[in-house]
Amino acid sequence: NPRAPRLLRRLEEAARRARALGAAVEAVLAALGAEPREPR
């Protein structure tokens, strides 16, 4: 779908936002003193 720029932009933004939310959750875990997640 090369003529669907909004879809492509939303997919790109979703990847960036997932990283940001994941990093924020990791920070909450660290603040609680919980063990970090295991890499997969």
PDB file of all heavy atoms in Angstrom:
ATOM      1  N   ASN A   1       0.839  -1.211   0.000  1.00  0.00           N
ATOM      2  CA  ASN A   1       0.000   0.000   0.000  1.00  0.00           C
ATOM      3  C   ASN A   1       0.870   1.256   0.000  1.00  0.00           C
ATOM      4  O   ASN A   1       0.859   2.040   0.965  1.00  0.00           O
ATOM      5  CB  ASN A   1      -0.921   0.001   1.237  1.00  0.00           C
ATOM      6  CG  ASN A   1      -2.038  -1.010   1.133  1.00  0.00           C
ATOM      7  OD1 ASN A   1      -2.868  -0.947   0.239  1.00  0.00           O
ATOM      8  ND2 ASN A   1      -2.048  -1.962   2.057  1.00  0.00           N
ATOM      9  N   PRO A   2       1.616   1.471  -1.083  1.00  0.00           N
ATOM     10  CA  PRO A   2       2.513   2.632  -1.100  1.00  0.00           C
ATOM     11  C   PRO A   2       1.767   3.971  -1.089  1.00  0.00           C
ATOM     12  O   PRO A   2       2.364   5.000  -0.774  1.00  0.00           O
ATOM     13  CB  PRO A   2       3.300   2.454  -2.400  1.00  0.00           C
ATOM     14  CG  PRO A   2       2.415   1.603  -3.269  1.00  0.00           C
ATOM     15  CD  PRO A   2       1.688   0.687  -2.325  1.00  0.00           C
ATOM     16  N   ARG A   3       0.472   3.940  -1.412  1.00  0.00           N
ATOM     17  CA  ARG A   3      -0.311   5.180  -1.442  1.00  0.00           C
ATOM     18  C   ARG A   3      -1.126   5.358  -0.158  1.00  0.00           C
ATOM     19  O   ARG A   3      -2.166   6.026  -0.172  1.00  0.00           O
ATOM     20  CB  ARG A   3      -1.239   5.193  -2.654  1.00  0.00           C
ATOM     21  CG  ARG A   3      -0.486   5.190  -3.981  1.00  0.00           C
ATOM     22  CD  ARG A   3      -1.421   5.287  -5.162  1.00  0.00           C
ATOM     23  NE  ARG A   3      -0.687   5.280  -6.429  1.00  0.00           N
ATOM     24  CZ  ARG A   3      -1.264   5.356  -7.631  1.00  0.00           C
ATOM     25  NH1 ARG A   3      -2.595   5.430  -7.720  1.00  0.00           N
ATOM     26  NH2 ARG A   3      -0.534   5.333  -8.723  1.00  0.00           N
ATOM     27  N   ALA A   4      -0.665   4.778   0.899  1.00  0.00           N
ATOM     28  CA  ALA A   4      -1.324   4.935   2.207  1.00  0.00           C
ATOM     29  C   ALA A   4      -0.334   5.540   3.194  1.00  0.00           C
ATOM     30  O   ALA A   4       0.087   4.877   4.156  1.00  0.00           O
ATOM     31  CB  ALA A   4      -1.846   3.595   2.709  1.00  0.00           C
ATOM     32  N   PRO A   5       0.061   6.821   2.982  1.00  0.00           N
ATOM     33  CA  PRO A   5       1.105   7.406   3.836  1.00  0.00           C
ATOM     34  C   PRO A   5       0.703   7.516   5.302  1.00  0.00           C
ATOM     35  O   PRO A   5       1.550   7.398   6.194  1.00  0.00           O
ATOM     36  CB  PRO A   5       1.337   8.795   3.218  1.00  0.00           C
ATOM     37  CG  PRO A   5       0.064   9.093   2.481  1.00  0.00           C
ATOM     38  CD  PRO A   5      -0.430   7.778   1.971  1.00  0.00           C
ATOM     39  N   ARG A   6      -0.593   7.726   5.575  1.00  0.00           N
ATOM     40  CA  ARG A   6      -0.997   7.849   6.979  1.00  0.00           C
ATOM     41  C   ARG A   6      -0.847   6.525   7.707  1.00  0.00           C
ATOM     42  O   ARG A   6      -0.419   6.491   8.870  1.00  0.00           O
ATOM     43  CB  ARG A   6      -2.439   8.351   7.082  1.00  0.00           C
ATOM     44  CG  ARG A   6      -2.847   8.706   8.513  1.00  0.00           C
ATOM     45  CD  ARG A   6      -4.172   9.434   8.571  1.00  0.00           C
ATOM     46  NE  ARG A   6      -5.273   8.592   8.085  1.00  0.00           N
ATOM     47  CZ  ARG A   6      -6.543   8.986   8.073  1.00  0.00           C
ATOM     48  NH1 ARG A   6      -6.856  10.217   8.492  1.00  0.00           N
ATOM     49  NH2 ARG A   6      -7.492   8.180   7.638  1.00  0.00           N
ATOM     50  N   LEU A   7      -1.185   5.417   7.045  1.00  0.00           N
ATOM     51  CA  LEU A   7      -0.997   4.105   7.653  1.00  0.00           C
ATOM     52  C   LEU A   7       0.479   3.857   7.929  1.00  0.00           C
ATOM     53  O   LEU A   7       0.847   3.384   9.018  1.00  0.00           O
ATOM     54  CB  LEU A   7      -1.553   3.016   6.741  1.00  0.00           C
ATOM     55  CG  LEU A   7      -1.257   1.567   7.163  1.00  0.00           C
ATOM     56  CD1 LEU A   7      -1.855   1.263   8.526  1.00  0.00           C
ATOM     57  CD2 LEU A   7      -1.767   0.584   6.106  1.00  0.00           C
ATOM     58  N   LEU A   8       1.333   4.167   6.964  1.00  0.00           N
ATOM     59  CA  LEU A   8       2.771   3.953   7.144  1.00  0.00           C
ATOM     60  C   LEU A   8       3.305   4.824   8.277  1.00  0.00           C
ATOM     61  O   LEU A   8       4.149   4.377   9.074  1.00  0.00           O
ATOM     62  CB  LEU A   8       3.511   4.254   5.839  1.00  0.00           C
ATOM     63  CG  LEU A   8       3.111   3.403   4.632  1.00  0.00           C
ATOM     64  CD1 LEU A   8       3.900   3.839   3.390  1.00  0.00           C
ATOM     65  CD2 LEU A   8       3.320   1.923   4.903  1.00  0.00           C
ATOM     66  N   ARG A   9       2.808   6.052   8.350  1.00  0.00           N
ATOM     67  CA  ARG A   9       3.263   6.934   9.424  1.00  0.00           C
ATOM     68  C   ARG A   9       2.802   6.425  10.779  1.00  0.00           C
ATOM     69  O   ARG A   9       3.564   6.467  11.755  1.00  0.00           O
ATOM     70  CB  ARG A   9       2.726   8.352   9.172  1.00  0.00           C
ATOM     71  CG  ARG A   9       3.221   9.380  10.203  1.00  0.00           C
ATOM     72  CD  ARG A   9       2.766  10.787   9.877  1.00  0.00           C
ATOM     73  NE  ARG A   9       1.314  10.941   9.970  1.00  0.00           N
ATOM     74  CZ  ARG A   9       0.502  11.063   8.932  1.00  0.00           C
ATOM     75  NH1 ARG A   9       0.984  11.050   7.701  1.00  0.00           N
ATOM     76  NH2 ARG A   9      -0.802  11.209   9.118  1.00  0.00           N
ATOM     77  N   ARG A  10       1.585   5.914  10.856  1.00  0.00           N
ATOM     78  CA  ARG A  10       1.077   5.401  12.129  1.00  0.00           C
ATOM     79  C   ARG A  10       1.835   4.149  12.562  1.00  0.00           C
ATOM     80  O   ARG A  10       2.052   3.933  13.764  1.00  0.00           O
ATOM     81  CB  ARG A  10      -0.419   5.114  12.021  1.00  0.00           C
ATOM     82  CG  ARG A  10      -1.270   6.368  12.126  1.00  0.00           C
ATOM     83  CD  ARG A  10      -2.753   6.077  12.137  1.00  0.00           C
ATOM     84  NE  ARG A  10      -3.497   7.280  12.516  1.00  0.00           N
ATOM     85  CZ  ARG A  10      -4.809   7.406  12.415  1.00  0.00           C
ATOM     86  NH1 ARG A  10      -5.540   6.403  11.947  1.00  0.00           N
ATOM     87  NH2 ARG A  10      -5.415   8.522  12.782  1.00  0.00           N
ATOM     88  N   LEU A  11       2.216   3.312  11.626  1.00  0.00           N
ATOM     89  CA  LEU A  11       3.022   2.140  11.972  1.00  0.00           C
ATOM     90  C   LEU A  11       4.381   2.562  12.526  1.00  0.00           C
ATOM     91  O   LEU A  11       4.873   1.984  13.503  1.00  0.00           O
ATOM     92  CB  LEU A  11       3.188   1.239  10.756  1.00  0.00           C
ATOM     93  CG  LEU A  11       1.950   0.416  10.372  1.00  0.00           C
ATOM     94  CD1 LEU A  11       2.102  -0.136   8.958  1.00  0.00           C
ATOM     95  CD2 LEU A  11       1.724  -0.722  11.362  1.00  0.00           C
ATOM     96  N   GLU A  12       4.968   3.564  11.905  1.00  0.00           N
ATOM     97  CA  GLU A  12       6.264   4.062  12.386  1.00  0.00           C
ATOM     98  C   GLU A  12       6.126   4.674  13.776  1.00  0.00           C
ATOM     99  O   GLU A  12       6.955   4.427  14.669  1.00  0.00           O
ATOM    100  CB  GLU A  12       6.806   5.097  11.403  1.00  0.00           C
ATOM    101  CG  GLU A  12       8.178   5.635  11.767  1.00  0.00           C
ATOM    102  CD  GLU A  12       8.710   6.615  10.733  1.00  0.00           C
ATOM    103  OE1 GLU A  12       7.961   6.983   9.813  1.00  0.00           O
ATOM    104  OE2 GLU A  12       9.891   7.022  10.848  1.00  0.00           O
ATOM    105  N   GLU A  13       5.071   5.466  13.982  1.00  0.00           N
ATOM    106  CA  GLU A  13       4.850   6.080  15.288  1.00  0.00           C
ATOM    107  C   GLU A  13       4.551   5.029  16.357  1.00  0.00           C
ATOM    108  O   GLU A  13       4.970   5.162  17.508  1.00  0.00           O
ATOM    109  CB  GLU A  13       3.689   7.074  15.191  1.00  0.00           C
ATOM    110  CG  GLU A  13       4.022   8.323  14.379  1.00  0.00           C
ATOM    111  CD  GLU A  13       2.793   9.184  14.117  1.00  0.00           C
ATOM    112  OE1 GLU A  13       1.663   8.694  14.349  1.00  0.00           O
ATOM    113  OE2 GLU A  13       2.964  10.327  13.671  1.00  0.00           O
ATOM    114  N   ALA A  14       3.826   3.968  15.968  1.00  0.00           N
ATOM    115  CA  ALA A  14       3.500   2.911  16.928  1.00  0.00           C
ATOM    116  C   ALA A  14       4.762   2.239  17.441  1.00  0.00           C
ATOM    117  O   ALA A  14       4.871   1.935  18.641  1.00  0.00           O
ATOM    118  CB  ALA A  14       2.570   1.883  16.283  1.00  0.00           C
ATOM    119  N   ALA A  15       5.725   1.994  16.562  1.00  0.00           N
ATOM    120  CA  ALA A  15       6.979   1.380  16.993  1.00  0.00           C
ATOM    121  C   ALA A  15       7.704   2.283  17.985  1.00  0.00           C
ATOM    122  O   ALA A  15       8.211   1.823  19.014  1.00  0.00           O
ATOM    123  CB  ALA A  15       7.862   1.098  15.774  1.00  0.00           C
ATOM    124  N   ARG A  16       7.736   3.570  17.686  1.00  0.00           N
ATOM    125  CA  ARG A  16       8.416   4.509  18.582  1.00  0.00           C
ATOM    126  C   ARG A  16       7.693   4.622  19.923  1.00  0.00           C
ATOM    127  O   ARG A  16       8.327   4.663  20.988  1.00  0.00           O
ATOM    128  CB  ARG A  16       8.493   5.881  17.900  1.00  0.00           C
ATOM    129  CG  ARG A  16       9.295   6.910  18.680  1.00  0.00           C
ATOM    130  CD  ARG A  16       9.524   8.181  17.881  1.00  0.00           C
ATOM    131  NE  ARG A  16       8.277   8.882  17.601  1.00  0.00           N
ATOM    132  CZ  ARG A  16       7.721   8.974  16.406  1.00  0.00           C
ATOM    133  NH1 ARG A  16       8.284   8.389  15.367  1.00  0.00           N
ATOM    134  NH2 ARG A  16       6.594   9.647  16.233  1.00  0.00           N
ATOM    135  N   ARG A  17       6.378   4.625  19.888  1.00  0.00           N
ATOM    136  CA  ARG A  17       5.612   4.750  21.130  1.00  0.00           C
ATOM    137  C   ARG A  17       5.704   3.487  21.987  1.00  0.00           C
ATOM    138  O   ARG A  17       5.724   3.569  23.219  1.00  0.00           O
ATOM    139  CB  ARG A  17       4.155   5.070  20.793  1.00  0.00           C
ATOM    140  CG  ARG A  17       3.964   6.491  20.289  1.00  0.00           C
ATOM    141  CD  ARG A  17       2.617   6.681  19.633  1.00  0.00           C
ATOM    142  NE  ARG A  17       2.414   8.065  19.240  1.00  0.00           N
ATOM    143  CZ  ARG A  17       1.526   8.472  18.333  1.00  0.00           C
ATOM    144  NH1 ARG A  17       0.744   7.569  17.733  1.00  0.00           N
ATOM    145  NH2 ARG A  17       1.408   9.745  18.020  1.00  0.00           N
ATOM    146  N   ALA A  18       5.753   2.336  21.335  1.00  0.00           N
ATOM    147  CA  ALA A  18       5.910   1.095  22.101  1.00  0.00           C
ATOM    148  C   ALA A  18       7.241   1.096  22.846  1.00  0.00           C
ATOM    149  O   ALA A  18       7.320   0.652  24.002  1.00  0.00           O
ATOM    150  CB  ALA A  18       5.811  -0.118  21.175  1.00  0.00           C
ATOM    151  N   ARG A  19       8.287   1.588  22.197  1.00  0.00           N
ATOM    152  CA  ARG A  19       9.598   1.683  22.865  1.00  0.00           C
ATOM    153  C   ARG A  19       9.513   2.616  24.063  1.00  0.00           C
ATOM    154  O   ARG A  19      10.058   2.330  25.142  1.00  0.00           O
ATOM    155  CB  ARG A  19      10.665   2.181  21.890  1.00  0.00           C
ATOM    156  CG  ARG A  19      11.086   1.189  20.830  1.00  0.00           C
ATOM    157  CD  ARG A  19      12.293   1.689  20.039  1.00  0.00           C
ATOM    158  NE  ARG A  19      12.632   0.784  18.962  1.00  0.00           N
ATOM    159  CZ  ARG A  19      12.207   0.916  17.706  1.00  0.00           C
ATOM    160  NH1 ARG A  19      11.438   1.951  17.379  1.00  0.00           N
ATOM    161  NH2 ARG A  19      12.551   0.033  16.785  1.00  0.00           N
ATOM    162  N   ALA A  20       8.852   3.771  23.880  1.00  0.00           N
ATOM    163  CA  ALA A  20       8.756   4.750  24.964  1.00  0.00           C
ATOM    164  C   ALA A  20       7.970   4.192  26.141  1.00  0.00           C
ATOM    165  O   ALA A  20       8.373   4.346  27.304  1.00  0.00           O
ATOM    166  CB  ALA A  20       8.102   6.035  24.446  1.00  0.00           C
ATOM    167  N   LEU A  21       6.854   3.530  25.862  1.00  0.00           N
ATOM    168  CA  LEU A  21       6.061   2.965  26.946  1.00  0.00           C
ATOM    169  C   LEU A  21       6.812   1.833  27.637  1.00  0.00           C
ATOM    170  O   LEU A  21       6.786   1.717  28.870  1.00  0.00           O
ATOM    171  CB  LEU A  21       4.716   2.460  26.412  1.00  0.00           C
ATOM    172  CG  LEU A  21       3.769   1.839  27.452  1.00  0.00           C
ATOM    173  CD1 LEU A  21       3.458   2.831  28.574  1.00  0.00           C
ATOM    174  CD2 LEU A  21       2.483   1.364  26.788  1.00  0.00           C
ATOM    175  N   GLY A  22       7.492   0.992  26.865  1.00  0.00           N
ATOM    176  CA  GLY A  22       8.276  -0.082  27.461  1.00  0.00           C
ATOM    177  C   GLY A  22       9.355   0.446  28.389  1.00  0.00           C
ATOM    178  O   GLY A  22       9.572  -0.089  29.484  1.00  0.00           O
ATOM    179  N   ALA A  23      10.042   1.520  27.961  1.00  0.00           N
ATOM    180  CA  ALA A  23      11.081   2.114  28.800  1.00  0.00           C
ATOM    181  C   ALA A  23      10.480   2.702  30.072  1.00  0.00           C
ATOM    182  O   ALA A  23      11.064   2.600  31.163  1.00  0.00           O
ATOM    183  CB  ALA A  23      11.824   3.200  28.019  1.00  0.00           C
ATOM    184  N   ALA A  24       9.294   3.309  29.963  1.00  0.00           N
ATOM    185  CA  ALA A  24       8.647   3.887  31.143  1.00  0.00           C
ATOM    186  C   ALA A  24       8.226   2.791  32.128  1.00  0.00           C
ATOM    187  O   ALA A  24       8.351   2.962  33.344  1.00  0.00           O
ATOM    188  CB  ALA A  24       7.436   4.719  30.712  1.00  0.00           C
ATOM    189  N   VAL A  25       7.732   1.670  31.613  1.00  0.00           N
ATOM    190  CA  VAL A  25       7.356   0.557  32.491  1.00  0.00           C
ATOM    191  C   VAL A  25       8.591  -0.012  33.186  1.00  0.00           C
ATOM    192  O   VAL A  25       8.560  -0.347  34.372  1.00  0.00           O
ATOM    193  CB  VAL A  25       6.621  -0.541  31.694  1.00  0.00           C
ATOM    194  CG1 VAL A  25       6.410  -1.796  32.551  1.00  0.00           C
ATOM    195  CG2 VAL A  25       5.280  -0.029  31.193  1.00  0.00           C
ATOM    196  N   GLU A  26       9.693  -0.121  32.452  1.00  0.00           N
ATOM    197  CA  GLU A  26      10.947  -0.588  33.059  1.00  0.00           C
ATOM    198  C   GLU A  26      11.366   0.345  34.194  1.00  0.00           C
ATOM    199  O   GLU A  26      11.863  -0.109  35.237  1.00  0.00           O
ATOM    200  CB  GLU A  26      12.048  -0.640  31.990  1.00  0.00           C
ATOM    201  CG  GLU A  26      11.828  -1.665  30.890  1.00  0.00           C
ATOM    202  CD  GLU A  26      12.360  -3.034  31.248  1.00  0.00           C
ATOM    203  OE1 GLU A  26      12.655  -3.266  32.432  1.00  0.00           O
ATOM    204  OE2 GLU A  26      12.465  -3.872  30.336  1.00  0.00           O
ATOM    205  N   ALA A  27      11.168   1.651  34.003  1.00  0.00           N
ATOM    206  CA  ALA A  27      11.541   2.612  35.042  1.00  0.00           C
ATOM    207  C   ALA A  27      10.668   2.440  36.284  1.00  0.00           C
ATOM    208  O   ALA A  27      11.144   2.552  37.415  1.00  0.00           O
ATOM    209  CB  ALA A  27      11.425   4.041  34.499  1.00  0.00           C
ATOM    210  N   VAL A  28       9.376   2.167  36.083  1.00  0.00           N
ATOM    211  CA  VAL A  28       8.492   1.914  37.221  1.00  0.00           C
ATOM    212  C   VAL A  28       8.931   0.656  37.963  1.00  0.00           C
ATOM    213  O   VAL A  28       8.981   0.624  39.199  1.00  0.00           O
ATOM    214  CB  VAL A  28       7.031   1.783  36.748  1.00  0.00           C
ATOM    215  CG1 VAL A  28       6.141   1.262  37.878  1.00  0.00           C
ATOM    216  CG2 VAL A  28       6.506   3.126  36.256  1.00  0.00           C
ATOM    217  N   LEU A  29       9.271  -0.391  37.213  1.00  0.00           N
ATOM    218  CA  LEU A  29       9.738  -1.630  37.846  1.00  0.00           C
ATOM    219  C   LEU A  29      10.991  -1.379  38.677  1.00  0.00           C
ATOM    220  O   LEU A  29      11.123  -1.880  39.797  1.00  0.00           O
ATOM    221  CB  LEU A  29      10.025  -2.679  36.770  1.00  0.00           C
ATOM    222  CG  LEU A  29       8.812  -3.407  36.189  1.00  0.00           C
ATOM    223  CD1 LEU A  29       9.220  -4.209  34.948  1.00  0.00           C
ATOM    224  CD2 LEU A  29       8.186  -4.332  37.222  1.00  0.00           C
ATOM    225  N   ALA A  30      11.912  -0.605  38.119  1.00  0.00           N
ATOM    226  CA  ALA A  30      13.138  -0.307  38.857  1.00  0.00           C
ATOM    227  C   ALA A  30      12.824   0.495  40.119  1.00  0.00           C
ATOM    228  O   ALA A  30      13.417   0.273  41.176  1.00  0.00           O
ATOM    229  CB  ALA A  30      14.112   0.464  37.962  1.00  0.00           C
ATOM    230  N   ALA A  31      11.877   1.423  40.028  1.00  0.00           N
ATOM    231  CA  ALA A  31      11.506   2.229  41.187  1.00  0.00           C
ATOM    232  C   ALA A  31      10.885   1.378  42.282  1.00  0.00           C
ATOM    233  O   ALA A  31      11.030   1.667  43.475  1.00  0.00           O
ATOM    234  CB  ALA A  31      10.539   3.336  40.762  1.00  0.00           C
ATOM    235  N   LEU A  32      10.184   0.324  41.891  1.00  0.00           N
ATOM    236  CA  LEU A  32       9.578  -0.584  42.865  1.00  0.00           C
ATOM    237  C   LEU A  32      10.585  -1.577  43.432  1.00  0.00           C
ATOM    238  O   LEU A  32      10.266  -2.322  44.357  1.00  0.00           O
ATOM    239  CB  LEU A  32       8.419  -1.351  42.220  1.00  0.00           C
ATOM    240  CG  LEU A  32       7.216  -0.523  41.778  1.00  0.00           C
ATOM    241  CD1 LEU A  32       6.238  -1.386  41.000  1.00  0.00           C
ATOM    242  CD2 LEU A  32       6.534   0.111  42.974  1.00  0.00           C
ATOM    243  N   GLY A  33      11.799  -1.616  42.855  1.00  0.00           N
ATOM    244  CA  GLY A  33      12.797  -2.576  43.306  1.00  0.00           C
ATOM    245  C   GLY A  33      12.573  -3.964  42.769  1.00  0.00           C
ATOM    246  O   GLY A  33      13.133  -4.937  43.291  1.00  0.00           O
ATOM    247  N   ALA A  34      11.743  -4.099  41.726  1.00  0.00           N
ATOM    248  CA  ALA A  34      11.456  -5.410  41.147  1.00  0.00           C
ATOM    249  C   ALA A  34      12.605  -5.865  40.266  1.00  0.00           C
ATOM    250  O   ALA A  34      13.383  -5.054  39.752  1.00  0.00           O
ATOM    251  CB  ALA A  34      10.162  -5.353  40.334  1.00  0.00           C
ATOM    252  N   GLU A  35      12.701  -7.174  40.076  1.00  0.00           N
ATOM    253  CA  GLU A  35      13.713  -7.719  39.187  1.00  0.00           C
ATOM    254  C   GLU A  35      13.431  -7.278  37.756  1.00  0.00           C
ATOM    255  O   GLU A  35      12.273  -7.242  37.332  1.00  0.00           O
ATOM    256  CB  GLU A  35      13.711  -9.249  39.251  1.00  0.00           C
ATOM    257  CG  GLU A  35      14.181  -9.810  40.579  1.00  0.00           C
ATOM    258  CD  GLU A  35      15.650  -9.505  40.840  1.00  0.00           C
ATOM    259  OE1 GLU A  35      16.435  -9.514  39.869  1.00  0.00           O
ATOM    260  OE2 GLU A  35      16.007  -9.249  41.992  1.00  0.00           O
ATOM    261  N   PRO A  36      14.466  -6.931  36.984  1.00  0.00           N
ATOM    262  CA  PRO A  36      14.231  -6.546  35.586  1.00  0.00           C
ATOM    263  C   PRO A  36      13.759  -7.740  34.769  1.00  0.00           C
ATOM    264  O   PRO A  36      13.977  -8.897  35.135  1.00  0.00           O
ATOM    265  CB  PRO A  36      15.611  -6.062  35.121  1.00  0.00           C
ATOM    266  CG  PRO A  36      16.582  -6.772  36.012  1.00  0.00           C
ATOM    267  CD  PRO A  36      15.889  -6.911  37.344  1.00  0.00           C
ATOM    268  N   ARG A  37      13.101  -7.444  33.660  1.00  0.00           N
ATOM    269  CA  ARG A  37      12.617  -8.512  32.792  1.00  0.00           C
ATOM    270  C   ARG A  37      13.797  -9.229  32.150  1.00  0.00           C
ATOM    271  O   ARG A  37      14.870  -8.660  31.948  1.00  0.00           O
ATOM    272  CB  ARG A  37      11.708  -7.945  31.700  1.00  0.00           C
ATOM    273  CG  ARG A  37      12.450  -7.046  30.706  1.00  0.00           C
ATOM    274  CD  ARG A  37      11.560  -6.572  29.574  1.00  0.00           C
ATOM    275  NE  ARG A  37      12.294  -5.693  28.682  1.00  0.00           N
ATOM    276  CZ  ARG A  37      13.041  -6.106  27.675  1.00  0.00           C
ATOM    277  NH1 ARG A  37      13.151  -7.402  27.426  1.00  0.00           N
ATOM    278  NH2 ARG A  37      13.694  -5.245  26.905  1.00  0.00           N
ATOM    279  N   GLU A  38      13.582 -10.474  31.804  1.00  0.00           N
ATOM    280  CA  GLU A  38      14.607 -11.231  31.099  1.00  0.00           C
ATOM    281  C   GLU A  38      14.552 -10.889  29.614  1.00  0.00           C
ATOM    282  O   GLU A  38      13.468 -10.804  29.032  1.00  0.00           O
ATOM    283  CB  GLU A  38      14.386 -12.733  31.289  1.00  0.00           C
ATOM    284  CG  GLU A  38      14.547 -13.198  32.721  1.00  0.00           C
ATOM    285  CD  GLU A  38      14.367 -14.694  32.853  1.00  0.00           C
ATOM    286  OE1 GLU A  38      14.141 -15.351  31.802  1.00  0.00           O
ATOM    287  OE2 GLU A  38      14.452 -15.209  33.980  1.00  0.00           O
ATOM    288  N   PRO A  39      15.711 -10.671  28.979  1.00  0.00           N
ATOM    289  CA  PRO A  39      15.696 -10.367  27.544  1.00  0.00           C
ATOM    290  C   PRO A  39      15.167 -11.547  26.749  1.00  0.00           C
ATOM    291  O   PRO A  39      15.369 -12.704  27.120  1.00  0.00           O
ATOM    292  CB  PRO A  39      17.174 -10.086  27.228  1.00  0.00           C
ATOM    293  CG  PRO A  39      17.939 -10.778  28.314  1.00  0.00           C
ATOM    294  CD  PRO A  39      17.073 -10.725  29.543  1.00  0.00           C
ATOM    295  N   ARG A  40      14.485 -11.244  25.663  1.00  0.00           N
ATOM    296  CA  ARG A  40      13.954 -12.297  24.808  1.00  0.00           C
ATOM    297  C   ARG A  40      14.423 -12.048  23.382  1.00  0.00           C
ATOM    298  O   ARG A  40      14.692 -10.906  23.003  1.00  0.00           O
ATOM    299  CB  ARG A  40      12.425 -12.335  24.862  1.00  0.00           C
ATOM    300  CG  ARG A  40      11.764 -11.068  24.359  1.00  0.00           C
ATOM    301  CD  ARG A  40      10.256 -11.247  24.207  1.00  0.00           C
ATOM    302  NE  ARG A  40       9.571 -11.277  25.482  1.00  0.00           N
ATOM    303  CZ  ARG A  40       8.261 -11.447  25.592  1.00  0.00           C
ATOM    304  NH1 ARG A  40       7.516 -11.599  24.511  1.00  0.00           N
ATOM    305  NH2 ARG A  40       7.690 -11.457  26.779  1.00  0.00           N
TER     306      ARG A  40
END
